[in-house]
């Protein structure tokens, strides 16, 4: 998951990250060479969790905990605002939204701030990788994060991605206006909203932990041409390799 700037906050329970959409990171990092994922924890002291964290994301999702679907909490979505702009931050294509969209889980409201993309997918399911993954980043009032992840299989062209791709800047640090309605964003979510849940981290520096991950079981489709277009803009894959799941459980 890519965030433009992270402010780490200490609470009595854990460390939470707050999204500051207008910022930029001071230390350059990337996806290959000496700036690649295996070196993120060494680039600066703030990135220490990338190296030493025990609940890092992404992961290989395996069905380790079975819970009856009637007992697994449903996510309550209230996506009621449109998008404002799309930007190329050098690491991903990110779409920002107006205030007014949220989802509720664990009795807590998380506000949808932005969504962005990775190719190939960061999370994998039972060892299967996907050509594209979308991360919908939500922030609660206390600064805690929840990420909705949508996995894409090769197939038909995706209509919402087409609108984003038509506007996405091809140069780093550029942004342009983008208007996608609240209804279209709601329809971007699969009709079947069953999901995998696990505790994890940001998938980019500083790799802060305490993030709730909610990965939809139902897949969307993306055309190979759309994946290629995104990759051509990024110039390289932008996925962090899967991390050791350790003692964590995946609830599904």
C-alpha atoms as a PDB file:
ATOM      1  CA  UNK A   1       0.000   0.000   0.000  1.00  0.00           C
ATOM      2  CA  UNK A   2       1.469   3.366  -1.045  1.00  0.00           C
ATOM      3  CA  UNK A   3       0.939   6.503   1.056  1.00  0.00           C
ATOM      4  CA  UNK A   4       2.463   9.848   0.110  1.00  0.00           C
ATOM      5  CA  UNK A   5       3.463  10.705   3.662  1.00  0.00           C
ATOM      6  CA  UNK A   6       3.009   8.939   6.968  1.00  0.00           C
ATOM      7  CA  UNK A   7       2.956  10.432  10.427  1.00  0.00           C
ATOM      8  CA  UNK A   8       3.434   7.680  13.005  1.00  0.00           C
ATOM      9  CA  UNK A   9       1.432   8.202  16.186  1.00  0.00           C
ATOM     10  CA  UNK A  10       1.946   6.408  19.486  1.00  0.00           C
ATOM     11  CA  UNK A  11      -1.099   5.216  21.400  1.00  0.00           C
ATOM     12  CA  UNK A  12      -1.583   2.972  24.423  1.00  0.00           C
ATOM     13  CA  UNK A  13      -2.546   0.096  22.120  1.00  0.00           C
ATOM     14  CA  UNK A  14      -0.228   0.313  19.113  1.00  0.00           C
ATOM     15  CA  UNK A  15       1.422   2.503  16.528  1.00  0.00           C
ATOM     16  CA  UNK A  16      -0.988   3.932  14.000  1.00  0.00           C
ATOM     17  CA  UNK A  17      -0.283   5.717  10.708  1.00  0.00           C
ATOM     18  CA  UNK A  18      -2.132   8.833   9.545  1.00  0.00           C
ATOM     19  CA  UNK A  19      -2.413   9.592   5.838  1.00  0.00           C
ATOM     20  CA  UNK A  20      -1.219  13.047   4.814  1.00  0.00           C
ATOM     21  CA  UNK A  21      -2.070  13.065   1.146  1.00  0.00           C
ATOM     22  CA  UNK A  22      -0.213  16.238   0.172  1.00  0.00           C
ATOM     23  CA  UNK A  23       3.220  15.271   1.486  1.00  0.00           C
ATOM     24  CA  UNK A  24       6.275  13.627   0.002  1.00  0.00           C
ATOM     25  CA  UNK A  25       8.854  11.316   1.527  1.00  0.00           C
ATOM     26  CA  UNK A  26      12.337  12.676   2.122  1.00  0.00           C
ATOM     27  CA  UNK A  27      14.264   9.477   1.344  1.00  0.00           C
ATOM     28  CA  UNK A  28      14.041   7.932  -2.111  1.00  0.00           C
ATOM     29  CA  UNK A  29      13.114   4.274  -2.316  1.00  0.00           C
ATOM     30  CA  UNK A  30      12.094   1.973  -5.105  1.00  0.00           C
ATOM     31  CA  UNK A  31      11.446  -1.605  -6.154  1.00  0.00           C
ATOM     32  CA  UNK A  32      14.858  -2.742  -7.390  1.00  0.00           C
ATOM     33  CA  UNK A  33      18.571  -2.480  -6.690  1.00  0.00           C
ATOM     34  CA  UNK A  34      19.951  -0.844  -3.570  1.00  0.00           C
ATOM     35  CA  UNK A  35      16.661   1.049  -3.086  1.00  0.00           C
ATOM     36  CA  UNK A  36      14.514  -2.085  -3.401  1.00  0.00           C
ATOM     37  CA  UNK A  37      12.294  -3.768  -0.776  1.00  0.00           C
ATOM     38  CA  UNK A  38      15.099  -5.858   0.718  1.00  0.00           C
ATOM     39  CA  UNK A  39      16.929  -2.614   1.601  1.00  0.00           C
ATOM     40  CA  UNK A  40      14.042  -0.373   2.735  1.00  0.00           C
ATOM     41  CA  UNK A  41      14.810  -0.955   6.404  1.00  0.00           C
ATOM     42  CA  UNK A  42      18.347   0.323   5.881  1.00  0.00           C
ATOM     43  CA  UNK A  43      17.538   3.547   3.987  1.00  0.00           C
ATOM     44  CA  UNK A  44      16.644   5.527   7.107  1.00  0.00           C
ATOM     45  CA  UNK A  45      15.834   4.910  10.766  1.00  0.00           C
ATOM     46  CA  UNK A  46      12.101   5.575  10.291  1.00  0.00           C
ATOM     47  CA  UNK A  47      11.925   2.475   8.079  1.00  0.00           C
ATOM     48  CA  UNK A  48      13.124   0.049  10.742  1.00  0.00           C
ATOM     49  CA  UNK A  49       9.817  -1.877  10.708  1.00  0.00           C
ATOM     50  CA  UNK A  50      10.445  -2.834   7.076  1.00  0.00           C
ATOM     51  CA  UNK A  51      13.315  -4.936   8.413  1.00  0.00           C
ATOM     52  CA  UNK A  52      12.337  -5.847  11.961  1.00  0.00           C
ATOM     53  CA  UNK A  53       8.518  -5.968  11.887  1.00  0.00           C
ATOM     54  CA  UNK A  54       6.716  -9.212  12.695  1.00  0.00           C
ATOM     55  CA  UNK A  55       3.321  -8.406  11.114  1.00  0.00           C
ATOM     56  CA  UNK A  56       4.334  -7.174   7.687  1.00  0.00           C
ATOM     57  CA  UNK A  57       2.289  -7.038   4.486  1.00  0.00           C
ATOM     58  CA  UNK A  58       1.627  -8.344   1.891  1.00  0.00           C
ATOM     59  CA  UNK A  59       1.211 -12.060   2.577  1.00  0.00           C
ATOM     60  CA  UNK A  60       0.319 -15.352   0.943  1.00  0.00           C
ATOM     61  CA  UNK A  61      -3.296 -15.699   2.076  1.00  0.00           C
ATOM     62  CA  UNK A  62      -4.095 -19.213   3.226  1.00  0.00           C
ATOM     63  CA  UNK A  63      -7.340 -20.404   4.757  1.00  0.00           C
ATOM     64  CA  UNK A  64      -5.999 -20.923   8.262  1.00  0.00           C
ATOM     65  CA  UNK A  65      -9.109 -20.001  10.255  1.00  0.00           C
ATOM     66  CA  UNK A  66     -12.600 -21.043   9.186  1.00  0.00           C
ATOM     67  CA  UNK A  67     -15.515 -18.984  10.484  1.00  0.00           C
ATOM     68  CA  UNK A  68     -19.139 -19.368   9.461  1.00  0.00           C
ATOM     69  CA  UNK A  69     -19.990 -16.513   7.091  1.00  0.00           C
ATOM     70  CA  UNK A  70     -23.040 -15.618   9.185  1.00  0.00           C
ATOM     71  CA  UNK A  71     -20.745 -14.924  12.143  1.00  0.00           C
ATOM     72  CA  UNK A  72     -18.104 -12.958  10.232  1.00  0.00           C
ATOM     73  CA  UNK A  73     -18.887  -9.272  10.522  1.00  0.00           C
ATOM     74  CA  UNK A  74     -20.140  -7.590   7.371  1.00  0.00           C
ATOM     75  CA  UNK A  75     -18.367  -4.422   6.299  1.00  0.00           C
ATOM     76  CA  UNK A  76     -20.743  -1.461   6.261  1.00  0.00           C
ATOM     77  CA  UNK A  77     -19.966   0.749   3.260  1.00  0.00           C
ATOM     78  CA  UNK A  78     -21.023   4.377   2.819  1.00  0.00           C
ATOM     79  CA  UNK A  79     -19.268   5.560  -0.318  1.00  0.00           C
ATOM     80  CA  UNK A  80     -21.024   8.877  -0.877  1.00  0.00           C
ATOM     81  CA  UNK A  81     -18.391  11.152  -2.433  1.00  0.00           C
ATOM     82  CA  UNK A  82     -16.716  11.515  -5.805  1.00  0.00           C
ATOM     83  CA  UNK A  83     -13.067  11.528  -6.782  1.00  0.00           C
ATOM     84  CA  UNK A  84     -11.169  14.800  -7.124  1.00  0.00           C
ATOM     85  CA  UNK A  85      -7.882  14.019  -8.842  1.00  0.00           C
ATOM     86  CA  UNK A  86      -5.471  11.351  -9.988  1.00  0.00           C
ATOM     87  CA  UNK A  87      -1.743  11.647  -9.380  1.00  0.00           C
ATOM     88  CA  UNK A  88       1.443   9.852 -10.291  1.00  0.00           C
ATOM     89  CA  UNK A  89       3.610   9.923  -7.172  1.00  0.00           C
ATOM     90  CA  UNK A  90       6.436   7.968  -8.719  1.00  0.00           C
ATOM     91  CA  UNK A  91       5.475   4.714  -6.990  1.00  0.00           C
ATOM     92  CA  UNK A  92       1.854   4.230  -8.041  1.00  0.00           C
ATOM     93  CA  UNK A  93      -1.173   5.895  -9.590  1.00  0.00           C
ATOM     94  CA  UNK A  94      -3.320   7.270  -6.778  1.00  0.00           C
ATOM     95  CA  UNK A  95      -6.901   8.565  -6.907  1.00  0.00           C
ATOM     96  CA  UNK A  96      -7.959  11.024  -4.189  1.00  0.00           C
ATOM     97  CA  UNK A  97     -11.525  11.570  -3.028  1.00  0.00           C
ATOM     98  CA  UNK A  98     -13.709  14.301  -1.601  1.00  0.00           C
ATOM     99  CA  UNK A  99     -14.720  13.947   2.042  1.00  0.00           C
ATOM    100  CA  UNK A 100     -17.842  11.928   2.717  1.00  0.00           C
ATOM    101  CA  UNK A 101     -17.034   8.281   1.996  1.00  0.00           C
ATOM    102  CA  UNK A 102     -16.440   5.725   4.734  1.00  0.00           C
ATOM    103  CA  UNK A 103     -16.810   2.145   5.855  1.00  0.00           C
ATOM    104  CA  UNK A 104     -17.514   0.738   9.293  1.00  0.00           C
ATOM    105  CA  UNK A 105     -16.065  -2.344  10.945  1.00  0.00           C
ATOM    106  CA  UNK A 106     -15.481  -3.318  14.585  1.00  0.00           C
ATOM    107  CA  UNK A 107     -17.869  -0.504  15.490  1.00  0.00           C
ATOM    108  CA  UNK A 108     -15.369   2.050  14.135  1.00  0.00           C
ATOM    109  CA  UNK A 109     -15.763   4.375  11.154  1.00  0.00           C
ATOM    110  CA  UNK A 110     -12.879   4.538   8.672  1.00  0.00           C
ATOM    111  CA  UNK A 111     -12.885   7.368   6.106  1.00  0.00           C
ATOM    112  CA  UNK A 112     -11.892   6.531   2.529  1.00  0.00           C
ATOM    113  CA  UNK A 113      -9.013   8.824   1.562  1.00  0.00           C
ATOM    114  CA  UNK A 114      -7.639   7.358  -1.644  1.00  0.00           C
ATOM    115  CA  UNK A 115      -7.153   4.248  -3.734  1.00  0.00           C
ATOM    116  CA  UNK A 116      -4.162   3.154  -5.772  1.00  0.00           C
ATOM    117  CA  UNK A 117      -2.760   0.199  -7.694  1.00  0.00           C
ATOM    118  CA  UNK A 118       0.032  -2.396  -7.793  1.00  0.00           C
ATOM    119  CA  UNK A 119       1.158  -4.715 -10.575  1.00  0.00           C
ATOM    120  CA  UNK A 120       1.507  -7.592 -10.142  1.00  0.00           C
ATOM    121  CA  UNK A 121      -0.585  -8.055  -7.010  1.00  0.00           C
ATOM    122  CA  UNK A 122       1.075  -7.680  -3.630  1.00  0.00           C
ATOM    123  CA  UNK A 123      -1.128 -10.148  -1.761  1.00  0.00           C
ATOM    124  CA  UNK A 124      -1.414 -13.628  -3.246  1.00  0.00           C
ATOM    125  CA  UNK A 125      -4.006 -16.324  -2.486  1.00  0.00           C
ATOM    126  CA  UNK A 126      -2.892 -19.903  -1.887  1.00  0.00           C
ATOM    127  CA  UNK A 127       0.257 -19.115  -3.861  1.00  0.00           C
ATOM    128  CA  UNK A 128      -1.612 -17.500  -6.782  1.00  0.00           C
ATOM    129  CA  UNK A 129      -0.513 -14.061  -7.963  1.00  0.00           C
ATOM    130  CA  UNK A 130      -2.760 -11.647  -9.872  1.00  0.00           C
ATOM    131  CA  UNK A 131      -1.952  -9.107 -12.598  1.00  0.00           C
ATOM    132  CA  UNK A 132      -3.291  -6.127 -10.626  1.00  0.00           C
ATOM    133  CA  UNK A 133      -4.389  -5.177  -7.102  1.00  0.00           C
ATOM    134  CA  UNK A 134      -6.234  -2.082  -5.878  1.00  0.00           C
ATOM    135  CA  UNK A 135      -5.862  -0.737  -2.333  1.00  0.00           C
ATOM    136  CA  UNK A 136      -8.625   1.452  -0.917  1.00  0.00           C
ATOM    137  CA  UNK A 137      -7.071   3.261   2.031  1.00  0.00           C
ATOM    138  CA  UNK A 138      -9.266   4.202   5.001  1.00  0.00           C
ATOM    139  CA  UNK A 139      -8.310   6.204   8.090  1.00  0.00           C
ATOM    140  CA  UNK A 140     -10.155   6.312  11.432  1.00  0.00           C
ATOM    141  CA  UNK A 141     -10.355   9.347  13.703  1.00  0.00           C
ATOM    142  CA  UNK A 142      -7.664   7.854  15.965  1.00  0.00           C
ATOM    143  CA  UNK A 143      -5.282   7.512  13.012  1.00  0.00           C
ATOM    144  CA  UNK A 144      -5.604   3.745  12.586  1.00  0.00           C
ATOM    145  CA  UNK A 145      -5.748   2.337   9.077  1.00  0.00           C
ATOM    146  CA  UNK A 146      -7.897  -0.209   7.275  1.00  0.00           C
ATOM    147  CA  UNK A 147      -7.239  -1.247   3.681  1.00  0.00           C
ATOM    148  CA  UNK A 148      -9.749  -2.850   1.343  1.00  0.00           C
ATOM    149  CA  UNK A 149      -7.901  -4.871  -1.296  1.00  0.00           C
ATOM    150  CA  UNK A 150      -9.400  -5.887  -4.660  1.00  0.00           C
ATOM    151  CA  UNK A 151      -7.610  -8.502  -6.768  1.00  0.00           C
ATOM    152  CA  UNK A 152      -7.951  -8.518 -10.567  1.00  0.00           C
ATOM    153  CA  UNK A 153      -7.820 -11.455 -12.963  1.00  0.00           C
ATOM    154  CA  UNK A 154      -7.122 -11.168 -16.689  1.00  0.00           C
ATOM    155  CA  UNK A 155     -10.375 -10.771 -18.560  1.00  0.00           C
ATOM    156  CA  UNK A 156     -12.642  -8.027 -19.841  1.00  0.00           C
ATOM    157  CA  UNK A 157     -11.648  -4.377 -19.800  1.00  0.00           C
ATOM    158  CA  UNK A 158     -12.515  -2.686 -16.501  1.00  0.00           C
ATOM    159  CA  UNK A 159     -14.719   0.375 -16.982  1.00  0.00           C
ATOM    160  CA  UNK A 160     -13.618   2.268 -13.856  1.00  0.00           C
ATOM    161  CA  UNK A 161      -9.955   1.598 -14.539  1.00  0.00           C
ATOM    162  CA  UNK A 162     -10.498   2.884 -18.083  1.00  0.00           C
ATOM    163  CA  UNK A 163     -11.600   6.248 -16.686  1.00  0.00           C
ATOM    164  CA  UNK A 164      -8.590   6.410 -14.366  1.00  0.00           C
ATOM    165  CA  UNK A 165      -6.136   5.279 -17.037  1.00  0.00           C
ATOM    166  CA  UNK A 166      -7.412   7.892 -19.519  1.00  0.00           C
ATOM    167  CA  UNK A 167      -6.422  10.616 -17.055  1.00  0.00           C
ATOM    168  CA  UNK A 168      -3.407   9.156 -15.242  1.00  0.00           C
ATOM    169  CA  UNK A 169      -0.305  11.336 -15.552  1.00  0.00           C
ATOM    170  CA  UNK A 170       2.662   9.714 -17.232  1.00  0.00           C
ATOM    171  CA  UNK A 171       5.253  11.766 -15.338  1.00  0.00           C
ATOM    172  CA  UNK A 172       6.117  11.513 -11.645  1.00  0.00           C
ATOM    173  CA  UNK A 173       4.672  14.151  -9.287  1.00  0.00           C
ATOM    174  CA  UNK A 174       2.022  15.218 -11.790  1.00  0.00           C
ATOM    175  CA  UNK A 175      -1.705  15.258 -11.056  1.00  0.00           C
ATOM    176  CA  UNK A 176      -4.849  16.103 -12.985  1.00  0.00           C
ATOM    177  CA  UNK A 177      -8.525  16.532 -12.141  1.00  0.00           C
ATOM    178  CA  UNK A 178     -10.604  13.355 -12.224  1.00  0.00           C
ATOM    179  CA  UNK A 179     -14.355  13.090 -11.651  1.00  0.00           C
ATOM    180  CA  UNK A 180     -15.723   9.619 -10.894  1.00  0.00           C
ATOM    181  CA  UNK A 181     -19.075   9.460  -9.114  1.00  0.00           C
ATOM    182  CA  UNK A 182     -19.785   7.907  -5.743  1.00  0.00           C
ATOM    183  CA  UNK A 183     -22.067   5.392  -7.439  1.00  0.00           C
ATOM    184  CA  UNK A 184     -19.293   4.244  -9.761  1.00  0.00           C
ATOM    185  CA  UNK A 185     -16.911   3.825  -6.836  1.00  0.00           C
ATOM    186  CA  UNK A 186     -19.517   1.768  -4.972  1.00  0.00           C
ATOM    187  CA  UNK A 187     -19.999  -0.409  -8.052  1.00  0.00           C
ATOM    188  CA  UNK A 188     -16.234  -0.921  -8.188  1.00  0.00           C
ATOM    189  CA  UNK A 189     -16.651  -3.142  -5.128  1.00  0.00           C
ATOM    190  CA  UNK A 190     -17.669  -6.754  -5.849  1.00  0.00           C
ATOM    191  CA  UNK A 191     -21.286  -7.704  -5.230  1.00  0.00           C
ATOM    192  CA  UNK A 192     -20.109 -10.606  -3.087  1.00  0.00           C
ATOM    193  CA  UNK A 193     -18.361  -8.869  -0.220  1.00  0.00           C
ATOM    194  CA  UNK A 194     -16.969 -11.883   1.631  1.00  0.00           C
ATOM    195  CA  UNK A 195     -13.372 -11.245   2.571  1.00  0.00           C
ATOM    196  CA  UNK A 196     -10.160 -12.443   4.166  1.00  0.00           C
ATOM    197  CA  UNK A 197      -9.000 -10.510   7.213  1.00  0.00           C
ATOM    198  CA  UNK A 198      -5.575 -10.257   8.791  1.00  0.00           C
ATOM    199  CA  UNK A 199      -3.415  -7.817  10.725  1.00  0.00           C
ATOM    200  CA  UNK A 200      -0.571  -6.300   8.745  1.00  0.00           C
ATOM    201  CA  UNK A 201       1.369  -3.218   7.783  1.00  0.00           C
ATOM    202  CA  UNK A 202       1.861  -0.628   5.093  1.00  0.00           C
ATOM    203  CA  UNK A 203       3.455  -2.273   2.068  1.00  0.00           C
ATOM    204  CA  UNK A 204       5.755   0.704   1.476  1.00  0.00           C
ATOM    205  CA  UNK A 205       8.158   2.581   3.767  1.00  0.00           C
ATOM    206  CA  UNK A 206       7.930   3.106   6.684  1.00  0.00           C
ATOM    207  CA  UNK A 207       6.075  -0.266   6.808  1.00  0.00           C
ATOM    208  CA  UNK A 208       4.151   0.754   9.958  1.00  0.00           C
ATOM    209  CA  UNK A 209       2.145  -2.073  11.522  1.00  0.00           C
ATOM    210  CA  UNK A 210      -1.323  -2.145  13.076  1.00  0.00           C
ATOM    211  CA  UNK A 211      -3.137  -1.996   9.711  1.00  0.00           C
ATOM    212  CA  UNK A 212      -6.377  -3.972   9.273  1.00  0.00           C
ATOM    213  CA  UNK A 213      -6.338  -5.768   5.922  1.00  0.00           C
ATOM    214  CA  UNK A 214      -9.629  -6.800   4.301  1.00  0.00           C
ATOM    215  CA  UNK A 215      -9.096  -8.638   1.008  1.00  0.00           C
ATOM    216  CA  UNK A 216     -12.168  -9.454  -1.049  1.00  0.00           C
ATOM    217  CA  UNK A 217     -12.564 -13.104  -2.046  1.00  0.00           C
ATOM    218  CA  UNK A 218     -14.377 -12.180  -5.267  1.00  0.00           C
ATOM    219  CA  UNK A 219     -12.113 -11.049  -8.089  1.00  0.00           C
ATOM    220  CA  UNK A 220     -12.667  -8.296 -10.635  1.00  0.00           C
ATOM    221  CA  UNK A 221     -11.341  -8.342 -14.200  1.00  0.00           C
ATOM    222  CA  UNK A 222      -8.759  -6.221 -15.993  1.00  0.00           C
ATOM    223  CA  UNK A 223      -7.675  -6.545 -19.603  1.00  0.00           C
ATOM    224  CA  UNK A 224      -4.043  -7.433 -20.387  1.00  0.00           C
ATOM    225  CA  UNK A 225      -3.850  -4.166 -22.338  1.00  0.00           C
ATOM    226  CA  UNK A 226      -4.841  -2.179 -19.232  1.00  0.00           C
ATOM    227  CA  UNK A 227      -2.193  -3.918 -17.137  1.00  0.00           C
ATOM    228  CA  UNK A 228       0.401  -3.217 -19.820  1.00  0.00           C
ATOM    229  CA  UNK A 229      -0.587   0.462 -19.972  1.00  0.00           C
ATOM    230  CA  UNK A 230      -0.208   0.835 -16.207  1.00  0.00           C
ATOM    231  CA  UNK A 231       3.144  -0.966 -16.248  1.00  0.00           C
ATOM    232  CA  UNK A 232       4.373   1.269 -19.064  1.00  0.00           C
ATOM    233  CA  UNK A 233       3.595   4.349 -16.960  1.00  0.00           C
ATOM    234  CA  UNK A 234       5.279   2.918 -13.847  1.00  0.00           C
ATOM    235  CA  UNK A 235       8.213   1.585 -15.949  1.00  0.00           C
ATOM    236  CA  UNK A 236       8.567  -1.408 -13.602  1.00  0.00           C
ATOM    237  CA  UNK A 237       6.529  -3.688 -11.295  1.00  0.00           C
ATOM    238  CA  UNK A 238       5.523  -1.916  -8.079  1.00  0.00           C
ATOM    239  CA  UNK A 239       4.756  -4.788  -5.723  1.00  0.00           C
ATOM    240  CA  UNK A 240       6.495  -5.610  -2.458  1.00  0.00           C
ATOM    241  CA  UNK A 241       7.264  -9.351  -2.152  1.00  0.00           C
ATOM    242  CA  UNK A 242       5.137 -11.383   0.271  1.00  0.00           C
ATOM    243  CA  UNK A 243       6.276 -11.351   3.886  1.00  0.00           C
ATOM    244  CA  UNK A 244       6.475 -14.067   6.525  1.00  0.00           C
ATOM    245  CA  UNK A 245       3.036 -14.538   8.066  1.00  0.00           C
ATOM    246  CA  UNK A 246       4.557 -15.816  11.323  1.00  0.00           C
ATOM    247  CA  UNK A 247       2.011 -16.545  14.051  1.00  0.00           C
ATOM    248  CA  UNK A 248      -0.769 -14.514  12.413  1.00  0.00           C
ATOM    249  CA  UNK A 249      -4.080 -16.047  11.369  1.00  0.00           C
ATOM    250  CA  UNK A 250      -6.139 -15.258   8.307  1.00  0.00           C
ATOM    251  CA  UNK A 251      -9.826 -15.066   9.190  1.00  0.00           C
ATOM    252  CA  UNK A 252     -12.165 -15.992   6.381  1.00  0.00           C
END
